PDB file of N, CA and C in Angstrom:
ATOM      1  N   MET A   1      91.354  44.415 -27.876  1.00  0.00           N
ATOM      2  CA  MET A   1      90.583  45.614 -27.588  1.00  0.00           C
ATOM      3  C   MET A   1      89.309  45.276 -26.813  1.00  0.00           C
ATOM      4  N   LYS A   2      88.640  44.179 -27.208  1.00  0.00           N
ATOM      5  CA  LYS A   2      87.425  43.770 -26.508  1.00  0.00           C
ATOM      6  C   LYS A   2      87.700  43.539 -25.028  1.00  0.00           C
ATOM      7  N   ASN A   3      88.804  42.900 -24.732  1.00  0.00           N
ATOM      8  CA  ASN A   3      89.142  42.621 -23.335  1.00  0.00           C
ATOM      9  C   ASN A   3      89.358  43.895 -22.546  1.00  0.00           C
ATOM     10  N   ASN A   4      89.933  44.914 -23.171  1.00  0.00           N
ATOM     11  CA  ASN A   4      90.146  46.184 -22.473  1.00  0.00           C
ATOM     12  C   ASN A   4      88.822  46.816 -22.072  1.00  0.00           C
ATOM     13  N   ILE A   5      87.854  46.763 -22.975  1.00  0.00           N
ATOM     14  CA  ILE A   5      86.542  47.337 -22.678  1.00  0.00           C
ATOM     15  C   ILE A   5      85.876  46.568 -21.541  1.00  0.00           C
ATOM     16  N   PHE A   6      85.941  45.236 -21.597  1.00  0.00           N
ATOM     17  CA  PHE A   6      85.335  44.430 -20.532  1.00  0.00           C
ATOM     18  C   PHE A   6      86.029  44.667 -19.194  1.00  0.00           C
ATOM     19  N   ASN A   7      87.346  44.770 -19.206  1.00  0.00           N
ATOM     20  CA  ASN A   7      88.077  45.030 -17.964  1.00  0.00           C
ATOM     21  C   ASN A   7      87.688  46.378 -17.380  1.00  0.00           C
ATOM     22  N   MET A   8      87.532  47.384 -18.241  1.00  0.00           N
ATOM     23  CA  MET A   8      87.149  48.700 -17.776  1.00  0.00           C
ATOM     24  C   MET A   8      85.733  48.672 -17.199  1.00  0.00           C
ATOM     25  N   LEU A   9      84.814  48.000 -17.895  1.00  0.00           N
ATOM     26  CA  LEU A   9      83.420  47.980 -17.460  1.00  0.00           C
ATOM     27  C   LEU A   9      83.207  47.199 -16.174  1.00  0.00           C
ATOM     28  N   LYS A  10      84.001  46.165 -15.942  1.00  0.00           N
ATOM     29  CA  LYS A  10      83.781  45.361 -14.736  1.00  0.00           C
ATOM     30  C   LYS A  10      84.144  46.118 -13.459  1.00  0.00           C
ATOM     31  N   ASN A  11      84.824  47.260 -13.588  1.00  0.00           N
ATOM     32  CA  ASN A  11      85.176  48.072 -12.421  1.00  0.00           C
ATOM     33  C   ASN A  11      84.012  48.940 -11.942  1.00  0.00           C
ATOM     34  N   PHE A  12      82.911  48.928 -12.677  1.00  0.00           N
ATOM     35  CA  PHE A  12      81.772  49.766 -12.327  1.00  0.00           C
ATOM     36  C   PHE A  12      80.616  48.910 -11.828  1.00  0.00           C
ATOM     37  N   LYS A  13      79.822  49.508 -10.950  1.00  0.00           N
ATOM     38  CA  LYS A  13      78.695  48.790 -10.356  1.00  0.00           C
ATOM     39  C   LYS A  13      77.531  48.651 -11.326  1.00  0.00           C
ATOM     40  N   ASN A  14      77.381  49.612 -12.234  1.00  0.00           N
ATOM     41  CA  ASN A  14      76.264  49.550 -13.181  1.00  0.00           C
ATOM     42  C   ASN A  14      76.641  50.240 -14.483  1.00  0.00           C
ATOM     43  N   PRO A  15      75.891  50.009 -15.547  1.00  0.00           N
ATOM     44  CA  PRO A  15      76.208  50.604 -16.851  1.00  0.00           C
ATOM     45  C   PRO A  15      76.208  52.131 -16.845  1.00  0.00           C
ATOM     46  N   LYS A  16      75.308  52.724 -16.060  1.00  0.00           N
ATOM     47  CA  LYS A  16      75.253  54.188 -16.019  1.00  0.00           C
ATOM     48  C   LYS A  16      76.580  54.744 -15.523  1.00  0.00           C
ATOM     49  N   ASP A  17      77.137  54.162 -14.461  1.00  0.00           N
ATOM     50  CA  ASP A  17      78.420  54.630 -13.944  1.00  0.00           C
ATOM     51  C   ASP A  17      79.526  54.491 -14.987  1.00  0.00           C
ATOM     52  N   ALA A  18      79.506  53.398 -15.725  1.00  0.00           N
ATOM     53  CA  ALA A  18      80.518  53.167 -16.756  1.00  0.00           C
ATOM     54  C   ALA A  18      80.433  54.231 -17.839  1.00  0.00           C
ATOM     55  N   VAL A  19      79.228  54.471 -18.332  1.00  0.00           N
ATOM     56  CA  VAL A  19      79.052  55.463 -19.391  1.00  0.00           C
ATOM     57  C   VAL A  19      79.402  56.855 -18.884  1.00  0.00           C
ATOM     58  N   MET A  20      78.958  57.172 -17.692  1.00  0.00           N
ATOM     59  CA  MET A  20      79.241  58.494 -17.134  1.00  0.00           C
ATOM     60  C   MET A  20      80.746  58.709 -16.993  1.00  0.00           C
ATOM     61  N   ASN A  21      81.466  57.675 -16.620  1.00  0.00           N
ATOM     62  CA  ASN A  21      82.911  57.794 -16.492  1.00  0.00           C
ATOM     63  C   ASN A  21      83.570  58.016 -17.853  1.00  0.00           C
ATOM     64  N   ILE A  22      83.085  57.310 -18.859  1.00  0.00           N
ATOM     65  CA  ILE A  22      83.653  57.416 -20.200  1.00  0.00           C
ATOM     66  C   ILE A  22      83.477  58.828 -20.757  1.00  0.00           C
ATOM     67  N   VAL A  23      82.325  59.430 -20.548  1.00  0.00           N
ATOM     68  CA  VAL A  23      82.051  60.735 -21.142  1.00  0.00           C
ATOM     69  C   VAL A  23      82.353  61.914 -20.214  1.00  0.00           C
ATOM     70  N   ALA A  24      82.727  61.641 -18.995  1.00  0.00           N
ATOM     71  CA  ALA A  24      82.928  62.706 -18.009  1.00  0.00           C
ATOM     72  C   ALA A  24      83.978  63.716 -18.448  1.00  0.00           C
ATOM     73  N   ASN A  25      85.008  63.271 -19.110  1.00  0.00           N
ATOM     74  CA  ASN A  25      86.091  64.167 -19.500  1.00  0.00           C
ATOM     75  C   ASN A  25      85.950  64.686 -20.919  1.00  0.00           C
ATOM     76  N   ASN A  26      84.813  64.473 -21.515  1.00  0.00           N
ATOM     77  CA  ASN A  26      84.565  64.940 -22.875  1.00  0.00           C
ATOM     78  C   ASN A  26      84.335  66.446 -22.861  1.00  0.00           C
ATOM     79  N   ASN A  27      84.884  67.148 -23.845  1.00  0.00           N
ATOM     80  CA  ASN A  27      84.770  68.610 -23.895  1.00  0.00           C
ATOM     81  C   ASN A  27      83.578  69.101 -24.705  1.00  0.00           C
ATOM     82  N   ASN A  28      82.704  68.202 -25.121  1.00  0.00           N
ATOM     83  CA  ASN A  28      81.545  68.564 -25.920  1.00  0.00           C
ATOM     84  C   ASN A  28      80.471  69.154 -25.004  1.00  0.00           C
ATOM     85  N   ASN A  29      80.153  70.436 -25.213  1.00  0.00           N
ATOM     86  CA  ASN A  29      79.190  71.118 -24.339  1.00  0.00           C
ATOM     87  C   ASN A  29      77.793  70.523 -24.429  1.00  0.00           C
ATOM     88  N   THR A  30      77.395  70.082 -25.616  1.00  0.00           N
ATOM     89  CA  THR A  30      76.075  69.466 -25.765  1.00  0.00           C
ATOM     90  C   THR A  30      76.004  68.180 -24.955  1.00  0.00           C
ATOM     91  N   LEU A  31      77.054  67.388 -25.032  1.00  0.00           N
ATOM     92  CA  LEU A  31      77.097  66.142 -24.263  1.00  0.00           C
ATOM     93  C   LEU A  31      77.067  66.433 -22.765  1.00  0.00           C
ATOM     94  N   LYS A  32      77.828  67.419 -22.326  1.00  0.00           N
ATOM     95  CA  LYS A  32      77.823  67.787 -20.900  1.00  0.00           C
ATOM     96  C   LYS A  32      76.430  68.233 -20.463  1.00  0.00           C
ATOM     97  N   ASN A  33      75.753  69.004 -21.318  1.00  0.00           N
ATOM     98  CA  ASN A  33      74.397  69.446 -21.008  1.00  0.00           C
ATOM     99  C   ASN A  33      73.463  68.258 -20.887  1.00  0.00           C
ATOM    100  N   MET A  34      73.589  67.296 -21.809  1.00  0.00           N
ATOM    101  CA  MET A  34      72.737  66.114 -21.767  1.00  0.00           C
ATOM    102  C   MET A  34      73.003  65.285 -20.510  1.00  0.00           C
ATOM    103  N   ILE A  35      74.247  65.184 -20.111  1.00  0.00           N
ATOM    104  CA  ILE A  35      74.589  64.453 -18.882  1.00  0.00           C
ATOM    105  C   ILE A  35      73.963  65.134 -17.676  1.00  0.00           C
ATOM    106  N   ASN A  36      74.050  66.457 -17.635  1.00  0.00           N
ATOM    107  CA  ASN A  36      73.435  67.195 -16.521  1.00  0.00           C
ATOM    108  C   ASN A  36      71.926  66.988 -16.482  1.00  0.00           C
ATOM    109  N   LEU A  37      71.294  67.034 -17.657  1.00  0.00           N
ATOM    110  CA  LEU A  37      69.847  66.807 -17.712  1.00  0.00           C
ATOM    111  C   LEU A  37      69.499  65.401 -17.237  1.00  0.00           C
ATOM    112  N   ALA A  38      70.300  64.423 -17.623  1.00  0.00           N
ATOM    113  CA  ALA A  38      70.059  63.039 -17.191  1.00  0.00           C
ATOM    114  C   ALA A  38      70.231  62.913 -15.682  1.00  0.00           C
ATOM    115  N   ASN A  39      71.282  63.523 -15.146  1.00  0.00           N
ATOM    116  CA  ASN A  39      71.515  63.466 -13.696  1.00  0.00           C
ATOM    117  C   ASN A  39      70.409  64.144 -12.909  1.00  0.00           C
ATOM    118  N   GLU A  40      69.805  65.155 -13.509  1.00  0.00           N
ATOM    119  CA  GLU A  40      68.706  65.878 -12.855  1.00  0.00           C
ATOM    120  C   GLU A  40      67.350  65.227 -13.124  1.00  0.00           C
ATOM    121  N   ASN A  41      67.356  64.107 -13.857  1.00  0.00           N
ATOM    122  CA  ASN A  41      66.121  63.416 -14.252  1.00  0.00           C
ATOM    123  C   ASN A  41      65.174  64.339 -15.015  1.00  0.00           C
ATOM    124  N   ASN A  42      65.757  65.258 -15.789  1.00  0.00           N
ATOM    125  CA  ASN A  42      64.966  66.175 -16.600  1.00  0.00           C
ATOM    126  C   ASN A  42      64.749  65.531 -17.968  1.00  0.00           C
ATOM    127  N   ASN A  43      63.929  64.494 -17.982  1.00  0.00           N
ATOM    128  CA  ASN A  43      63.725  63.691 -19.182  1.00  0.00           C
ATOM    129  C   ASN A  43      63.079  64.465 -20.322  1.00  0.00           C
ATOM    130  N   GLU A  44      62.186  65.374 -20.000  1.00  0.00           N
ATOM    131  CA  GLU A  44      61.503  66.141 -21.039  1.00  0.00           C
ATOM    132  C   GLU A  44      62.500  66.999 -21.823  1.00  0.00           C
ATOM    133  N   GLU A  45      63.366  67.693 -21.124  1.00  0.00           N
ATOM    134  CA  GLU A  45      64.351  68.546 -21.790  1.00  0.00           C
ATOM    135  C   GLU A  45      65.411  67.706 -22.504  1.00  0.00           C
ATOM    136  N   LEU A  46      65.783  66.585 -21.912  1.00  0.00           N
ATOM    137  CA  LEU A  46      66.740  65.675 -22.532  1.00  0.00           C
ATOM    138  C   LEU A  46      66.192  65.134 -23.855  1.00  0.00           C
ATOM    139  N   LEU A  47      64.931  64.801 -23.873  1.00  0.00           N
ATOM    140  CA  LEU A  47      64.287  64.320 -25.090  1.00  0.00           C
ATOM    141  C   LEU A  47      64.296  65.398 -26.173  1.00  0.00           C
ATOM    142  N   LYS A  48      64.040  66.652 -25.789  1.00  0.00           N
ATOM    143  CA  LYS A  48      64.077  67.757 -26.750  1.00  0.00           C
ATOM    144  C   LYS A  48      65.459  67.896 -27.378  1.00  0.00           C
ATOM    145  N   VAL A  49      66.494  67.825 -26.558  1.00  0.00           N
ATOM    146  CA  VAL A  49      67.864  67.943 -27.062  1.00  0.00           C
ATOM    147  C   VAL A  49      68.170  66.789 -28.016  1.00  0.00           C
ATOM    148  N   ALA A  50      67.796  65.583 -27.635  1.00  0.00           N
ATOM    149  CA  ALA A  50      68.047  64.410 -28.479  1.00  0.00           C
ATOM    150  C   ALA A  50      67.322  64.543 -29.819  1.00  0.00           C
ATOM    151  N   LYS A  51      66.080  64.976 -29.782  1.00  0.00           N
ATOM    152  CA  LYS A  51      65.320  65.141 -31.026  1.00  0.00           C
ATOM    153  C   LYS A  51      65.937  66.227 -31.906  1.00  0.00           C
ATOM    154  N   ASN A  52      66.381  67.312 -31.301  1.00  0.00           N
ATOM    155  CA  ASN A  52      67.018  68.379 -32.077  1.00  0.00           C
ATOM    156  C   ASN A  52      68.323  67.912 -32.709  1.00  0.00           C
ATOM    157  N   LEU A  53      69.108  67.158 -31.959  1.00  0.00           N
ATOM    158  CA  LEU A  53      70.361  66.625 -32.520  1.00  0.00           C
ATOM    159  C   LEU A  53      70.075  65.698 -33.697  1.00  0.00           C
ATOM    160  N   CYS A  54      69.090  64.846 -33.545  1.00  0.00           N
ATOM    161  CA  CYS A  54      68.721  63.939 -34.629  1.00  0.00           C
ATOM    162  C   CYS A  54      68.249  64.722 -35.846  1.00  0.00           C
ATOM    163  N   LYS A  55      67.437  65.742 -35.619  1.00  0.00           N
ATOM    164  CA  LYS A  55      66.927  66.559 -36.715  1.00  0.00           C
ATOM    165  C   LYS A  55      68.068  67.212 -37.480  1.00  0.00           C
ATOM    166  N   GLU A  56      69.074  67.719 -36.749  1.00  0.00           N
ATOM    167  CA  GLU A  56      70.241  68.330 -37.384  1.00  0.00           C
ATOM    168  C   GLU A  56      70.996  67.337 -38.261  1.00  0.00           C
ATOM    169  N   LYS A  57      70.955  66.072 -37.885  1.00  0.00           N
ATOM    170  CA  LYS A  57      71.679  65.025 -38.623  1.00  0.00           C
ATOM    171  C   LYS A  57      70.792  64.338 -39.665  1.00  0.00           C
ATOM    172  N   GLY A  58      69.553  64.796 -39.801  1.00  0.00           N
ATOM    173  CA  GLY A  58      68.647  64.202 -40.775  1.00  0.00           C
ATOM    174  C   GLY A  58      68.089  62.855 -40.345  1.00  0.00           C
ATOM    175  N   ILE A  59      67.995  62.641 -39.041  1.00  0.00           N
ATOM    176  CA  ILE A  59      67.502  61.384 -38.488  1.00  0.00           C
ATOM    177  C   ILE A  59      66.094  61.597 -37.948  1.00  0.00           C
ATOM    178  N   ASP A  60      65.203  60.676 -38.259  1.00  0.00           N
ATOM    179  CA  ASP A  60      63.844  60.717 -37.728  1.00  0.00           C
ATOM    180  C   ASP A  60      63.856  60.020 -36.361  1.00  0.00           C
ATOM    181  N   PHE A  61      63.945  60.793 -35.311  1.00  0.00           N
ATOM    182  CA  PHE A  61      64.083  60.257 -33.956  1.00  0.00           C
ATOM    183  C   PHE A  61      62.972  59.283 -33.619  1.00  0.00           C
ATOM    184  N   ASP A  62      61.736  59.682 -33.850  1.00  0.00           N
ATOM    185  CA  ASP A  62      60.603  58.849 -33.444  1.00  0.00           C
ATOM    186  C   ASP A  62      60.626  57.490 -34.138  1.00  0.00           C
ATOM    187  N   LYS A  63      60.870  57.496 -35.435  1.00  0.00           N
ATOM    188  CA  LYS A  63      60.911  56.246 -36.193  1.00  0.00           C
ATOM    189  C   LYS A  63      62.084  55.378 -35.734  1.00  0.00           C
ATOM    190  N   ASP A  64      63.262  55.962 -35.652  1.00  0.00           N
ATOM    191  CA  ASP A  64      64.441  55.186 -35.287  1.00  0.00           C
ATOM    192  C   ASP A  64      64.396  54.714 -33.837  1.00  0.00           C
ATOM    193  N   PHE A  65      63.793  55.500 -32.957  1.00  0.00           N
ATOM    194  CA  PHE A  65      63.681  55.083 -31.562  1.00  0.00           C
ATOM    195  C   PHE A  65      62.749  53.884 -31.437  1.00  0.00           C
ATOM    196  N   GLN A  66      61.674  53.886 -32.213  1.00  0.00           N
ATOM    197  CA  GLN A  66      60.759  52.740 -32.204  1.00  0.00           C
ATOM    198  C   GLN A  66      61.487  51.477 -32.651  1.00  0.00           C
ATOM    199  N   GLU A  67      62.295  51.594 -33.697  1.00  0.00           N
ATOM    200  CA  GLU A  67      63.073  50.451 -34.183  1.00  0.00           C
ATOM    201  C   GLU A  67      64.063  49.989 -33.117  1.00  0.00           C
ATOM    202  N   PHE A  68      64.698  50.930 -32.452  1.00  0.00           N
ATOM    203  CA  PHE A  68      65.640  50.620 -31.380  1.00  0.00           C
ATOM    204  C   PHE A  68      64.947  49.856 -30.254  1.00  0.00           C
ATOM    205  N   MET A  69      63.771  50.309 -29.851  1.00  0.00           N
ATOM    206  CA  MET A  69      63.055  49.679 -28.750  1.00  0.00           C
ATOM    207  C   MET A  69      62.581  48.275 -29.101  1.00  0.00           C
ATOM    208  N   LYS A  70      62.338  48.007 -30.383  1.00  0.00           N
ATOM    209  CA  LYS A  70      61.920  46.667 -30.806  1.00  0.00           C
ATOM    210  C   LYS A  70      62.981  45.620 -30.480  1.00  0.00           C
ATOM    211  N   MET A  71      64.226  46.031 -30.395  1.00  0.00           N
ATOM    212  CA  MET A  71      65.307  45.103 -30.091  1.00  0.00           C
ATOM    213  C   MET A  71      65.191  44.528 -28.679  1.00  0.00           C
ATOM    214  N   PHE A  72      64.439  45.205 -27.813  1.00  0.00           N
ATOM    215  CA  PHE A  72      64.337  44.803 -26.415  1.00  0.00           C
ATOM    216  C   PHE A  72      63.039  44.089 -26.096  1.00  0.00           C
ATOM    217  N   LYS A  73      62.235  43.794 -27.108  1.00  0.00           N
ATOM    218  CA  LYS A  73      60.967  43.096 -26.887  1.00  0.00           C
ATOM    219  C   LYS A  73      61.113  41.640 -27.162  1.00  0.00           C
TER     220      LYS A  73
END
Protein backbone atom coordinates (compact mmCIF):
# COMPACT_ATOMS: atom_id res chain seq x y z
CA MET A 1 0.00 0.00 0.00
CA LYS A 2 2.84 2.40 0.84
CA ASN A 3 4.31 1.92 -2.62
CA ASN A 4 0.99 2.76 -4.25
CA ILE A 5 0.83 6.07 -2.42
CA PHE A 6 4.43 6.92 -3.35
CA ASN A 7 3.84 5.97 -6.99
CA MET A 8 0.75 8.16 -7.10
CA LEU A 9 2.50 11.12 -5.44
CA LYS A 10 5.56 11.03 -7.68
CA ASN A 11 3.32 11.86 -10.67
CA PHE A 12 2.69 15.33 -9.25
CA LYS A 13 4.95 18.36 -9.32
CA ASN A 14 4.13 19.44 -5.76
CA PRO A 15 2.17 18.30 -2.69
CA LYS A 16 -0.66 20.76 -3.33
CA ASP A 17 -1.35 19.19 -6.74
CA ALA A 18 -1.33 15.72 -5.19
CA VAL A 19 -3.78 16.64 -2.45
CA MET A 20 -6.01 18.56 -4.83
CA ASN A 21 -6.17 15.54 -7.12
CA ILE A 22 -7.03 13.20 -4.25
CA VAL A 23 -9.93 15.34 -3.02
CA ALA A 24 -11.13 16.67 -6.37
CA ASN A 25 -13.73 13.96 -6.81
CA ASN A 26 -14.96 14.06 -3.24
CA ASN A 27 -18.69 14.79 -2.87
CA ASN A 28 -18.33 16.58 0.48
CA ASN A 29 -19.63 20.13 0.00
CA THR A 30 -17.66 21.49 2.95
CA LEU A 31 -14.45 20.08 1.52
CA LYS A 32 -15.25 21.52 -1.92
CA ASN A 33 -15.90 24.91 -0.31
CA MET A 34 -12.58 24.74 1.54
CA ILE A 35 -10.75 23.83 -1.68
CA ASN A 36 -12.33 26.80 -3.45
CA LEU A 37 -11.34 29.11 -0.61
CA ALA A 38 -7.77 27.78 -0.74
CA ASN A 39 -7.60 28.23 -4.52
CA GLU A 40 -8.85 31.80 -4.12
CA ASN A 41 -6.27 32.43 -1.36
CA ASN A 42 -9.15 33.39 0.92
CA ASN A 43 -7.23 32.41 4.04
CA GLU A 44 -9.40 34.35 6.47
CA GLU A 45 -12.59 32.55 5.44
CA LEU A 46 -10.78 29.21 5.21
CA LEU A 47 -9.57 29.65 8.78
CA LYS A 48 -13.14 30.37 9.93
CA VAL A 49 -14.41 27.17 8.31
CA ALA A 50 -11.59 25.12 9.83
CA LYS A 51 -12.23 26.55 13.29
CA ASN A 52 -15.96 25.88 13.00
CA LEU A 53 -15.35 22.29 11.92
CA CYS A 54 -13.01 21.76 14.85
CA LYS A 55 -15.52 23.31 17.24
CA GLU A 56 -18.23 20.93 15.98
CA LYS A 57 -15.90 18.00 16.70
CA GLY A 58 -14.91 19.29 20.15
CA ILE A 59 -11.38 20.18 19.06
CA ASP A 60 -9.58 23.29 20.29
CA PHE A 61 -8.18 24.54 16.97
CA ASP A 62 -5.81 27.12 18.41
CA LYS A 63 -4.24 24.74 20.92
CA ASP A 64 -3.96 21.82 18.51
CA PHE A 65 -2.64 24.00 15.69
CA GLN A 66 0.13 25.29 17.95
CA GLU A 67 1.09 21.69 18.76
CA PHE A 68 1.01 20.83 15.06
CA MET A 69 3.29 23.75 14.18
CA LYS A 70 5.81 22.70 16.85
CA MET A 71 6.55 19.64 14.73
CA PHE A 72 8.09 21.90 12.07
CA LYS A 73 10.44 23.86 14.34
